[in-house]
Amino acid sequence: MQMQTIVYVTDMDRSIEFYERLGFTVDYRGGPVWTAFRGTDGVLALHTVDELPAPGRVALSLVADDTLEKIVVRLARHGVEASSIETQPFGRSTVVQDPDGLPIQINEHAPD
């Protein structure tokens, strides 16, 4: 079985642009309501809704494929603000928000 995470969004085009800036590539576009990004470990899918469900849409955490400093700079060039980089028990992390306010933690794991 493969993991598929669905994130509910209010504006598909705006959200696709944001997730592409995080490094995802569109694998499938199912009209205005469904887009899937294929990753090495699963699928991230976007689904449009008129109103975001409460209390939350999903918890999303990504494992960085580059240093957090490089990712933060790359995102800043596109107007995406990241939190300060914090040291965690597993390594380091920063948090960004998608266009609808979903917090996304980006992790840089410490070498074993």
PDB file of N, CA and C in Angstrom:
ATOM      1  N   MET A   1       0.834  -1.173   0.000  1.00  0.00           N
ATOM      2  CA  MET A   1       0.000   0.000   0.000  1.00  0.00           C
ATOM      3  C   MET A   1       0.881   1.239   0.000  1.00  0.00           C
ATOM      4  N   GLN A   2       0.424   2.262  -0.661  1.00  0.00           N
ATOM      5  CA  GLN A   2       1.189   3.509  -0.730  1.00  0.00           C
ATOM      6  C   GLN A   2       0.455   4.606   0.027  1.00  0.00           C
ATOM      7  N   MET A   3       1.201   5.446   0.722  1.00  0.00           N
ATOM      8  CA  MET A   3       0.635   6.572   1.460  1.00  0.00           C
ATOM      9  C   MET A   3       0.195   7.649   0.484  1.00  0.00           C
ATOM     10  N   GLN A   4      -0.996   8.178   0.692  1.00  0.00           N
ATOM     11  CA  GLN A   4      -1.457   9.334  -0.073  1.00  0.00           C
ATOM     12  C   GLN A   4      -2.013  10.345   0.911  1.00  0.00           C
ATOM     13  N   THR A   5      -1.410  11.500   0.962  1.00  0.00           N
ATOM     14  CA  THR A   5      -1.857  12.574   1.838  1.00  0.00           C
ATOM     15  C   THR A   5      -2.674  13.549   1.016  1.00  0.00           C
ATOM     16  N   ILE A   6      -3.858  13.905   1.497  1.00  0.00           N
ATOM     17  CA  ILE A   6      -4.716  14.861   0.796  1.00  0.00           C
ATOM     18  C   ILE A   6      -4.760  16.155   1.598  1.00  0.00           C
ATOM     19  N   VAL A   7      -4.484  17.256   0.931  1.00  0.00           N
ATOM     20  CA  VAL A   7      -4.567  18.579   1.533  1.00  0.00           C
ATOM     21  C   VAL A   7      -5.721  19.318   0.863  1.00  0.00           C
ATOM     22  N   TYR A   8      -6.671  19.788   1.655  1.00  0.00           N
ATOM     23  CA  TYR A   8      -7.796  20.546   1.110  1.00  0.00           C
ATOM     24  C   TYR A   8      -7.380  22.002   0.934  1.00  0.00           C
ATOM     25  N   VAL A   9      -7.675  22.556  -0.239  1.00  0.00           N
ATOM     26  CA  VAL A   9      -7.255  23.911  -0.591  1.00  0.00           C
ATOM     27  C   VAL A   9      -8.429  24.679  -1.173  1.00  0.00           C
ATOM     28  N   THR A  10      -8.340  26.002  -1.158  1.00  0.00           N
ATOM     29  CA  THR A  10      -9.418  26.822  -1.710  1.00  0.00           C
ATOM     30  C   THR A  10      -9.110  27.362  -3.105  1.00  0.00           C
ATOM     31  N   ASP A  11      -7.847  27.354  -3.511  1.00  0.00           N
ATOM     32  CA  ASP A  11      -7.463  27.866  -4.827  1.00  0.00           C
ATOM     33  C   ASP A  11      -6.393  26.933  -5.398  1.00  0.00           C
ATOM     34  N   MET A  12      -6.787  26.087  -6.349  1.00  0.00           N
ATOM     35  CA  MET A  12      -5.882  25.055  -6.860  1.00  0.00           C
ATOM     36  C   MET A  12      -4.641  25.646  -7.518  1.00  0.00           C
ATOM     37  N   ASP A  13      -4.793  26.615  -8.399  1.00  0.00           N
ATOM     38  CA  ASP A  13      -3.628  27.158  -9.104  1.00  0.00           C
ATOM     39  C   ASP A  13      -2.625  27.780  -8.143  1.00  0.00           C
ATOM     40  N   ARG A  14      -3.118  28.539  -7.186  1.00  0.00           N
ATOM     41  CA  ARG A  14      -2.248  29.170  -6.188  1.00  0.00           C
ATOM     42  C   ARG A  14      -1.530  28.098  -5.359  1.00  0.00           C
ATOM     43  N   SER A  15      -2.239  27.032  -5.014  1.00  0.00           N
ATOM     44  CA  SER A  15      -1.651  25.968  -4.204  1.00  0.00           C
ATOM     45  C   SER A  15      -0.641  25.150  -4.993  1.00  0.00           C
ATOM     46  N   ILE A  16      -0.924  24.879  -6.263  1.00  0.00           N
ATOM     47  CA  ILE A  16       0.046  24.165  -7.103  1.00  0.00           C
ATOM     48  C   ILE A  16       1.339  24.963  -7.163  1.00  0.00           C
ATOM     49  N   GLU A  17       1.235  26.264  -7.382  1.00  0.00           N
ATOM     50  CA  GLU A  17       2.431  27.112  -7.449  1.00  0.00           C
ATOM     51  C   GLU A  17       3.232  27.022  -6.151  1.00  0.00           C
ATOM     52  N   PHE A  18       2.554  27.060  -5.013  1.00  0.00           N
ATOM     53  CA  PHE A  18       3.223  26.975  -3.721  1.00  0.00           C
ATOM     54  C   PHE A  18       3.946  25.636  -3.561  1.00  0.00           C
ATOM     55  N   TYR A  19       3.267  24.525  -3.816  1.00  0.00           N
ATOM     56  CA  TYR A  19       3.878  23.211  -3.620  1.00  0.00           C
ATOM     57  C   TYR A  19       4.990  22.942  -4.637  1.00  0.00           C
ATOM     58  N   GLU A  20       4.893  23.508  -5.830  1.00  0.00           N
ATOM     59  CA  GLU A  20       6.000  23.416  -6.781  1.00  0.00           C
ATOM     60  C   GLU A  20       7.221  24.153  -6.234  1.00  0.00           C
ATOM     61  N   ARG A  21       7.007  25.269  -5.562  1.00  0.00           N
ATOM     62  CA  ARG A  21       8.121  26.012  -4.961  1.00  0.00           C
ATOM     63  C   ARG A  21       8.772  25.226  -3.828  1.00  0.00           C
ATOM     64  N   LEU A  22       8.010  24.331  -3.200  1.00  0.00           N
ATOM     65  CA  LEU A  22       8.586  23.458  -2.179  1.00  0.00           C
ATOM     66  C   LEU A  22       9.403  22.334  -2.815  1.00  0.00           C
ATOM     67  N   GLY A  23       9.262  22.149  -4.135  1.00  0.00           N
ATOM     68  CA  GLY A  23      10.053  21.137  -4.826  1.00  0.00           C
ATOM     69  C   GLY A  23       9.259  19.986  -5.411  1.00  0.00           C
ATOM     70  N   PHE A  24       7.926  20.012  -5.289  1.00  0.00           N
ATOM     71  CA  PHE A  24       7.096  18.953  -5.853  1.00  0.00           C
ATOM     72  C   PHE A  24       6.844  19.196  -7.338  1.00  0.00           C
ATOM     73  N   THR A  25       6.584  18.116  -8.081  1.00  0.00           N
ATOM     74  CA  THR A  25       6.252  18.199  -9.498  1.00  0.00           C
ATOM     75  C   THR A  25       4.891  17.549  -9.707  1.00  0.00           C
ATOM     76  N   VAL A  26       4.016  18.222 -10.454  1.00  0.00           N
ATOM     77  CA  VAL A  26       2.684  17.682 -10.714  1.00  0.00           C
ATOM     78  C   VAL A  26       2.805  16.389 -11.513  1.00  0.00           C
ATOM     79  N   ASP A  27       2.138  15.345 -11.018  1.00  0.00           N
ATOM     80  CA  ASP A  27       2.101  14.054 -11.697  1.00  0.00           C
ATOM     81  C   ASP A  27       0.785  13.886 -12.453  1.00  0.00           C
ATOM     82  N   TYR A  28      -0.306  14.440 -11.896  1.00  0.00           N
ATOM     83  CA  TYR A  28      -1.625  14.274 -12.491  1.00  0.00           C
ATOM     84  C   TYR A  28      -2.487  15.469 -12.132  1.00  0.00           C
ATOM     85  N   ARG A  29      -3.221  15.983 -13.107  1.00  0.00           N
ATOM     86  CA  ARG A  29      -4.153  17.096 -12.860  1.00  0.00           C
ATOM     87  C   ARG A  29      -5.537  16.639 -13.266  1.00  0.00           C
ATOM     88  N   GLY A  30      -6.422  16.464 -12.300  1.00  0.00           N
ATOM     89  CA  GLY A  30      -7.790  16.011 -12.548  1.00  0.00           C
ATOM     90  C   GLY A  30      -8.759  17.168 -12.568  1.00  0.00           C
ATOM     91  N   GLY A  31      -8.584  18.059 -13.530  1.00  0.00           N
ATOM     92  CA  GLY A  31      -9.466  19.217 -13.619  1.00  0.00           C
ATOM     93  C   GLY A  31      -9.188  20.205 -12.499  1.00  0.00           C
ATOM     94  N   PRO A  32     -10.180  21.034 -12.185  1.00  0.00           N
ATOM     95  CA  PRO A  32      -9.954  22.099 -11.194  1.00  0.00           C
ATOM     96  C   PRO A  32      -9.994  21.635  -9.740  1.00  0.00           C
ATOM     97  N   VAL A  33     -10.361  20.355  -9.499  1.00  0.00           N
ATOM     98  CA  VAL A  33     -10.550  19.933  -8.107  1.00  0.00           C
ATOM     99  C   VAL A  33      -9.520  18.938  -7.595  1.00  0.00           C
ATOM    100  N   TRP A  34      -8.627  18.426  -8.432  1.00  0.00           N
ATOM    101  CA  TRP A  34      -7.713  17.387  -7.958  1.00  0.00           C
ATOM    102  C   TRP A  34      -6.374  17.508  -8.665  1.00  0.00           C
ATOM    103  N   THR A  35      -5.302  17.530  -7.882  1.00  0.00           N
ATOM    104  CA  THR A  35      -3.941  17.509  -8.418  1.00  0.00           C
ATOM    105  C   THR A  35      -3.124  16.583  -7.543  1.00  0.00           C
ATOM    106  N   ALA A  36      -2.295  15.757  -8.172  1.00  0.00           N
ATOM    107  CA  ALA A  36      -1.439  14.839  -7.422  1.00  0.00           C
ATOM    108  C   ALA A  36       0.017  15.102  -7.769  1.00  0.00           C
ATOM    109  N   PHE A  37       0.843  15.141  -6.740  1.00  0.00           N
ATOM    110  CA  PHE A  37       2.291  15.250  -6.877  1.00  0.00           C
ATOM    111  C   PHE A  37       2.864  13.908  -6.449  1.00  0.00           C
ATOM    112  N   ARG A  38       3.643  13.267  -7.281  1.00  0.00           N
ATOM    113  CA  ARG A  38       4.247  11.992  -6.903  1.00  0.00           C
ATOM    114  C   ARG A  38       5.586  12.258  -6.248  1.00  0.00           C
ATOM    115  N   GLY A  39       5.800  11.609  -5.119  1.00  0.00           N
ATOM    116  CA  GLY A  39       7.074  11.700  -4.420  1.00  0.00           C
ATOM    117  C   GLY A  39       7.715  10.336  -4.360  1.00  0.00           C
ATOM    118  N   THR A  40       8.887  10.263  -3.790  1.00  0.00           N
ATOM    119  CA  THR A  40       9.577   8.980  -3.717  1.00  0.00           C
ATOM    120  C   THR A  40       8.901   8.030  -2.731  1.00  0.00           C
ATOM    121  N   ASP A  41       8.193   8.570  -1.741  1.00  0.00           N
ATOM    122  CA  ASP A  41       7.576   7.722  -0.721  1.00  0.00           C
ATOM    123  C   ASP A  41       6.060   7.736  -0.744  1.00  0.00           C
ATOM    124  N   GLY A  42       5.454   8.363  -1.729  1.00  0.00           N
ATOM    125  CA  GLY A  42       4.001   8.417  -1.756  1.00  0.00           C
ATOM    126  C   GLY A  42       3.500   9.541  -2.628  1.00  0.00           C
ATOM    127  N   VAL A  43       2.258   9.921  -2.387  1.00  0.00           N
ATOM    128  CA  VAL A  43       1.583  10.927  -3.196  1.00  0.00           C
ATOM    129  C   VAL A  43       1.084  12.036  -2.284  1.00  0.00           C
ATOM    130  N   LEU A  44       1.283  13.273  -2.703  1.00  0.00           N
ATOM    131  CA  LEU A  44       0.665  14.417  -2.060  1.00  0.00           C
ATOM    132  C   LEU A  44      -0.403  14.903  -3.021  1.00  0.00           C
ATOM    133  N   ALA A  45      -1.658  14.909  -2.583  1.00  0.00           N
ATOM    134  CA  ALA A  45      -2.761  15.307  -3.446  1.00  0.00           C
ATOM    135  C   ALA A  45      -3.439  16.553  -2.896  1.00  0.00           C
ATOM    136  N   LEU A  46      -3.859  17.442  -3.789  1.00  0.00           N
ATOM    137  CA  LEU A  46      -4.623  18.626  -3.415  1.00  0.00           C
ATOM    138  C   LEU A  46      -6.054  18.443  -3.901  1.00  0.00           C
ATOM    139  N   HIS A  47      -7.011  18.848  -3.086  1.00  0.00           N
ATOM    140  CA  HIS A  47      -8.431  18.747  -3.441  1.00  0.00           C
ATOM    141  C   HIS A  47      -9.094  20.067  -3.067  1.00  0.00           C
ATOM    142  N   THR A  48      -9.743  20.711  -4.025  1.00  0.00           N
ATOM    143  CA  THR A  48     -10.383  21.991  -3.719  1.00  0.00           C
ATOM    144  C   THR A  48     -11.715  21.774  -3.002  1.00  0.00           C
ATOM    145  N   VAL A  49     -11.999  22.701  -2.109  1.00  0.00           N
ATOM    146  CA  VAL A  49     -13.265  22.748  -1.384  1.00  0.00           C
ATOM    147  C   VAL A  49     -13.670  24.214  -1.285  1.00  0.00           C
ATOM    148  N   ASP A  50     -14.971  24.452  -1.133  1.00  0.00           N
ATOM    149  CA  ASP A  50     -15.436  25.827  -0.967  1.00  0.00           C
ATOM    150  C   ASP A  50     -15.079  26.367   0.407  1.00  0.00           C
ATOM    151  N   GLU A  51     -15.114  25.481   1.399  1.00  0.00           N
ATOM    152  CA  GLU A  51     -14.830  25.887   2.771  1.00  0.00           C
ATOM    153  C   GLU A  51     -13.907  24.842   3.399  1.00  0.00           C
ATOM    154  N   LEU A  52     -12.864  25.305   4.066  1.00  0.00           N
ATOM    155  CA  LEU A  52     -11.922  24.378   4.679  1.00  0.00           C
ATOM    156  C   LEU A  52     -12.579  23.652   5.845  1.00  0.00           C
ATOM    157  N   PRO A  53     -12.350  22.333   5.962  1.00  0.00           N
ATOM    158  CA  PRO A  53     -12.931  21.594   7.083  1.00  0.00           C
ATOM    159  C   PRO A  53     -12.298  22.005   8.413  1.00  0.00           C
ATOM    160  N   ALA A  54     -13.049  21.876   9.466  1.00  0.00           N
ATOM    161  CA  ALA A  54     -12.544  22.216  10.793  1.00  0.00           C
ATOM    162  C   ALA A  54     -12.437  20.928  11.593  1.00  0.00           C
ATOM    163  N   PRO A  55     -11.561  20.791  12.548  1.00  0.00           N
ATOM    164  CA  PRO A  55     -10.663  21.818  13.039  1.00  0.00           C
ATOM    165  C   PRO A  55      -9.376  21.942  12.239  1.00  0.00           C
ATOM    166  N   GLY A  56      -8.963  20.931  11.492  1.00  0.00           N
ATOM    167  CA  GLY A  56      -7.720  21.025  10.742  1.00  0.00           C
ATOM    168  C   GLY A  56      -7.833  20.255   9.450  1.00  0.00           C
ATOM    169  N   ARG A  57      -6.881  20.489   8.569  1.00  0.00           N
ATOM    170  CA  ARG A  57      -6.918  19.826   7.275  1.00  0.00           C
ATOM    171  C   ARG A  57      -6.002  18.630   7.231  1.00  0.00           C
ATOM    172  N   VAL A  58      -4.847  18.723   7.834  1.00  0.00           N
ATOM    173  CA  VAL A  58      -3.880  17.625   7.843  1.00  0.00           C
ATOM    174  C   VAL A  58      -2.632  18.129   8.557  1.00  0.00           C
ATOM    175  N   ALA A  59      -1.830  17.244   9.086  1.00  0.00           N
ATOM    176  CA  ALA A  59      -0.516  17.624   9.594  1.00  0.00           C
ATOM    177  C   ALA A  59       0.485  17.174   8.545  1.00  0.00           C
ATOM    178  N   LEU A  60       1.310  18.064   8.078  1.00  0.00           N
ATOM    179  CA  LEU A  60       2.224  17.746   6.992  1.00  0.00           C
ATOM    180  C   LEU A  60       3.649  18.073   7.406  1.00  0.00           C
ATOM    181  N   SER A  61       4.518  17.091   7.254  1.00  0.00           N
ATOM    182  CA  SER A  61       5.931  17.251   7.565  1.00  0.00           C
ATOM    183  C   SER A  61       6.725  16.714   6.390  1.00  0.00           C
ATOM    184  N   LEU A  62       7.750  17.436   5.975  1.00  0.00           N
ATOM    185  CA  LEU A  62       8.578  17.049   4.842  1.00  0.00           C
ATOM    186  C   LEU A  62      10.009  16.848   5.313  1.00  0.00           C
ATOM    187  N   VAL A  63      10.712  15.908   4.710  1.00  0.00           N
ATOM    188  CA  VAL A  63      12.126  15.698   4.988  1.00  0.00           C
ATOM    189  C   VAL A  63      12.913  16.416   3.903  1.00  0.00           C
ATOM    190  N   ALA A  64      13.768  17.342   4.315  1.00  0.00           N
ATOM    191  CA  ALA A  64      14.526  18.178   3.384  1.00  0.00           C
ATOM    192  C   ALA A  64      15.489  17.354   2.550  1.00  0.00           C
ATOM    193  N   ASP A  65      15.641  17.755   1.284  1.00  0.00           N
ATOM    194  CA  ASP A  65      16.631  17.121   0.410  1.00  0.00           C
ATOM    195  C   ASP A  65      17.814  18.055   0.179  1.00  0.00           C
ATOM    196  N   ASP A  66      17.863  19.141   0.937  1.00  0.00           N
ATOM    197  CA  ASP A  66      18.940  20.119   0.883  1.00  0.00           C
ATOM    198  C   ASP A  66      19.055  20.720   2.279  1.00  0.00           C
ATOM    199  N   THR A  67      20.044  21.591   2.503  1.00  0.00           N
ATOM    200  CA  THR A  67      20.130  22.226   3.815  1.00  0.00           C
ATOM    201  C   THR A  67      18.943  23.160   4.010  1.00  0.00           C
ATOM    202  N   LEU A  68      18.525  23.321   5.237  1.00  0.00           N
ATOM    203  CA  LEU A  68      17.397  24.206   5.509  1.00  0.00           C
ATOM    204  C   LEU A  68      17.703  25.638   5.094  1.00  0.00           C
ATOM    205  N   GLU A  69      18.947  26.061   5.270  1.00  0.00           N
ATOM    206  CA  GLU A  69      19.321  27.429   4.877  1.00  0.00           C
ATOM    207  C   GLU A  69      19.063  27.645   3.383  1.00  0.00           C
ATOM    208  N   LYS A  70      19.447  26.697   2.551  1.00  0.00           N
ATOM    209  CA  LYS A  70      19.221  26.824   1.102  1.00  0.00           C
ATOM    210  C   LYS A  70      17.737  26.812   0.772  1.00  0.00           C
ATOM    211  N   ILE A  71      16.986  25.975   1.456  1.00  0.00           N
ATOM    212  CA  ILE A  71      15.539  25.907   1.217  1.00  0.00           C
ATOM    213  C   ILE A  71      14.870  27.213   1.616  1.00  0.00           C
ATOM    214  N   VAL A  72      15.227  27.756   2.774  1.00  0.00           N
ATOM    215  CA  VAL A  72      14.637  29.020   3.245  1.00  0.00           C
ATOM    216  C   VAL A  72      14.939  30.146   2.261  1.00  0.00           C
ATOM    217  N   VAL A  73      16.167  30.225   1.757  1.00  0.00           N
ATOM    218  CA  VAL A  73      16.534  31.267   0.790  1.00  0.00           C
ATOM    219  C   VAL A  73      15.742  31.090  -0.510  1.00  0.00           C
ATOM    220  N   ARG A  74      15.669  29.840  -0.993  1.00  0.00           N
ATOM    221  CA  ARG A  74      14.930  29.571  -2.237  1.00  0.00           C
ATOM    222  C   ARG A  74      13.468  29.966  -2.101  1.00  0.00           C
ATOM    223  N   LEU A  75      12.837  29.617  -0.983  1.00  0.00           N
ATOM    224  CA  LEU A  75      11.435  29.963  -0.777  1.00  0.00           C
ATOM    225  C   LEU A  75      11.248  31.469  -0.628  1.00  0.00           C
ATOM    226  N   ALA A  76      12.170  32.137   0.050  1.00  0.00           N
ATOM    227  CA  ALA A  76      12.074  33.594   0.233  1.00  0.00           C
ATOM    228  C   ALA A  76      12.093  34.319  -1.107  1.00  0.00           C
ATOM    229  N   ARG A  77      12.858  33.795  -2.069  1.00  0.00           N
ATOM    230  CA  ARG A  77      12.887  34.409  -3.414  1.00  0.00           C
ATOM    231  C   ARG A  77      11.509  34.384  -4.069  1.00  0.00           C
ATOM    232  N   HIS A  78      10.655  33.468  -3.615  1.00  0.00           N
ATOM    233  CA  HIS A  78       9.293  33.352  -4.157  1.00  0.00           C
ATOM    234  C   HIS A  78       8.253  33.920  -3.198  1.00  0.00           C
ATOM    235  N   GLY A  79       8.699  34.646  -2.191  1.00  0.00           N
ATOM    236  CA  GLY A  79       7.772  35.291  -1.266  1.00  0.00           C
ATOM    237  C   GLY A  79       7.197  34.377  -0.197  1.00  0.00           C
ATOM    238  N   VAL A  80       7.796  33.205   0.012  1.00  0.00           N
ATOM    239  CA  VAL A  80       7.331  32.279   1.049  1.00  0.00           C
ATOM    240  C   VAL A  80       8.215  32.459   2.273  1.00  0.00           C
ATOM    241  N   GLU A  81       7.589  32.866   3.378  1.00  0.00           N
ATOM    242  CA  GLU A  81       8.333  33.117   4.612  1.00  0.00           C
ATOM    243  C   GLU A  81       8.405  31.854   5.459  1.00  0.00           C
ATOM    244  N   ALA A  82       9.579  31.583   5.979  1.00  0.00           N
ATOM    245  CA  ALA A  82       9.790  30.428   6.853  1.00  0.00           C
ATOM    246  C   ALA A  82      10.109  30.918   8.260  1.00  0.00           C
ATOM    247  N   SER A  83       9.775  30.081   9.242  1.00  0.00           N
ATOM    248  CA  SER A  83      10.126  30.409  10.623  1.00  0.00           C
ATOM    249  C   SER A  83      11.635  30.266  10.797  1.00  0.00           C
ATOM    250  N   SER A  84      12.126  30.697  11.943  1.00  0.00           N
ATOM    251  CA  SER A  84      13.550  30.499  12.219  1.00  0.00           C
ATOM    252  C   SER A  84      13.824  29.003  12.300  1.00  0.00           C
ATOM    253  N   ILE A  85      15.033  28.631  11.959  1.00  0.00           N
ATOM    254  CA  ILE A  85      15.436  27.232  12.012  1.00  0.00           C
ATOM    255  C   ILE A  85      15.697  26.865  13.466  1.00  0.00           C
ATOM    256  N   GLU A  86      15.053  25.794  13.922  1.00  0.00           N
ATOM    257  CA  GLU A  86      15.177  25.374  15.312  1.00  0.00           C
ATOM    258  C   GLU A  86      15.820  24.000  15.399  1.00  0.00           C
ATOM    259  N   THR A  87      16.586  23.795  16.461  1.00  0.00           N
ATOM    260  CA  THR A  87      17.185  22.488  16.723  1.00  0.00           C
ATOM    261  C   THR A  87      16.152  21.614  17.419  1.00  0.00           C
ATOM    262  N   GLN A  88      16.008  20.405  16.920  1.00  0.00           N
ATOM    263  CA  GLN A  88      15.058  19.430  17.461  1.00  0.00           C
ATOM    264  C   GLN A  88      15.844  18.185  17.870  1.00  0.00           C
ATOM    265  N   PRO A  89      15.239  17.266  18.615  1.00  0.00           N
ATOM    266  CA  PRO A  89      15.937  16.029  18.986  1.00  0.00           C
ATOM    267  C   PRO A  89      16.407  15.214  17.770  1.00  0.00           C
ATOM    268  N   PHE A  90      15.694  15.318  16.655  1.00  0.00           N
ATOM    269  CA  PHE A  90      16.019  14.546  15.447  1.00  0.00           C
ATOM    270  C   PHE A  90      16.949  15.280  14.487  1.00  0.00           C
ATOM    271  N   GLY A  91      17.179  16.569  14.712  1.00  0.00           N
ATOM    272  CA  GLY A  91      17.962  17.396  13.787  1.00  0.00           C
ATOM    273  C   GLY A  91      17.524  18.845  13.878  1.00  0.00           C
ATOM    274  N   ARG A  92      17.095  19.413  12.733  1.00  0.00           N
ATOM    275  CA  ARG A  92      16.629  20.808  12.718  1.00  0.00           C
ATOM    276  C   ARG A  92      15.342  20.903  11.905  1.00  0.00           C
ATOM    277  N   SER A  93      14.587  21.995  12.117  1.00  0.00           N
ATOM    278  CA  SER A  93      13.350  22.163  11.365  1.00  0.00           C
ATOM    279  C   SER A  93      13.013  23.638  11.202  1.00  0.00           C
ATOM    280  N   THR A  94      12.179  23.889  10.204  1.00  0.00           N
ATOM    281  CA  THR A  94      11.589  25.202   9.976  1.00  0.00           C
ATOM    282  C   THR A  94      10.143  24.961   9.570  1.00  0.00           C
ATOM    283  N   VAL A  95       9.319  25.993   9.655  1.00  0.00           N
ATOM    284  CA  VAL A  95       7.903  25.850   9.318  1.00  0.00           C
ATOM    285  C   VAL A  95       7.517  26.937   8.327  1.00  0.00           C
ATOM    286  N   VAL A  96       6.763  26.538   7.293  1.00  0.00           N
ATOM    287  CA  VAL A  96       6.168  27.468   6.340  1.00  0.00           C
ATOM    288  C   VAL A  96       4.662  27.234   6.372  1.00  0.00           C
ATOM    289  N   GLN A  97       3.912  28.149   5.775  1.00  0.00           N
ATOM    290  CA  GLN A  97       2.466  27.966   5.671  1.00  0.00           C
ATOM    291  C   GLN A  97       2.066  27.975   4.215  1.00  0.00           C
ATOM    292  N   ASP A  98       1.144  27.061   3.857  1.00  0.00           N
ATOM    293  CA  ASP A  98       0.643  27.060   2.487  1.00  0.00           C
ATOM    294  C   ASP A  98      -0.316  28.235   2.312  1.00  0.00           C
ATOM    295  N   PRO A  99      -0.799  28.495   1.096  1.00  0.00           N
ATOM    296  CA  PRO A  99      -1.645  29.674   0.869  1.00  0.00           C
ATOM    297  C   PRO A  99      -2.919  29.726   1.707  1.00  0.00           C
ATOM    298  N   ASP A 100      -3.384  28.591   2.214  1.00  0.00           N
ATOM    299  CA  ASP A 100      -4.572  28.583   3.067  1.00  0.00           C
ATOM    300  C   ASP A 100      -4.225  28.510   4.548  1.00  0.00           C
ATOM    301  N   GLY A 101      -2.937  28.671   4.891  1.00  0.00           N
ATOM    302  CA  GLY A 101      -2.523  28.730   6.286  1.00  0.00           C
ATOM    303  C   GLY A 101      -2.127  27.414   6.922  1.00  0.00           C
ATOM    304  N   LEU A 102      -2.045  26.331   6.156  1.00  0.00           N
ATOM    305  CA  LEU A 102      -1.637  25.046   6.709  1.00  0.00           C
ATOM    306  C   LEU A 102      -0.160  25.088   7.065  1.00  0.00           C
ATOM    307  N   PRO A 103       0.207  24.850   8.337  1.00  0.00           N
ATOM    308  CA  PRO A 103       1.629  24.822   8.690  1.00  0.00           C
ATOM    309  C   PRO A 103       2.273  23.544   8.159  1.00  0.00           C
ATOM    310  N   ILE A 104       3.450  23.701   7.553  1.00  0.00           N
ATOM    311  CA  ILE A 104       4.203  22.568   7.012  1.00  0.00           C
ATOM    312  C   ILE A 104       5.590  22.619   7.618  1.00  0.00           C
ATOM    313  N   GLN A 105       5.938  21.580   8.362  1.00  0.00           N
ATOM    314  CA  GLN A 105       7.256  21.509   8.983  1.00  0.00           C
ATOM    315  C   GLN A 105       8.217  20.842   8.001  1.00  0.00           C
ATOM    316  N   ILE A 106       9.356  21.484   7.776  1.00  0.00           N
ATOM    317  CA  ILE A 106      10.399  20.923   6.921  1.00  0.00           C
ATOM    318  C   ILE A 106      11.550  20.533   7.834  1.00  0.00           C
ATOM    319  N   ASN A 107      11.906  19.250   7.794  1.00  0.00           N
ATOM    320  CA  ASN A 107      12.903  18.695   8.712  1.00  0.00           C
ATOM    321  C   ASN A 107      14.199  18.366   7.998  1.00  0.00           C
ATOM    322  N   GLU A 108      15.284  18.615   8.697  1.00  0.00           N
ATOM    323  CA  GLU A 108      16.619  18.203   8.265  1.00  0.00           C
ATOM    324  C   GLU A 108      17.102  17.259   9.354  1.00  0.00           C
ATOM    325  N   HIS A 109      17.139  15.976   9.046  1.00  0.00           N
ATOM    326  CA  HIS A 109      17.510  14.986  10.052  1.00  0.00           C
ATOM    327  C   HIS A 109      19.012  14.982  10.270  1.00  0.00           C
ATOM    328  N   ALA A 110      19.407  14.814  11.522  1.00  0.00           N
ATOM    329  CA  ALA A 110      20.838  14.726  11.865  1.00  0.00           C
ATOM    330  C   ALA A 110      21.389  13.418  11.317  1.00  0.00           C
ATOM    331  N   PRO A 111      22.654  13.440  10.870  1.00  0.00           N
ATOM    332  CA  PRO A 111      23.241  12.185  10.388  1.00  0.00           C
ATOM    333  C   PRO A 111      23.344  11.174  11.519  1.00  0.00           C
ATOM    334  N   ASP A 112      23.185   9.915  11.170  1.00  0.00           N
ATOM    335  CA  ASP A 112      23.254   8.841  12.177  1.00  0.00           C
ATOM    336  C   ASP A 112      24.643   8.652  12.704  1.00  0.00           C
TER     337      ASP A 112
END
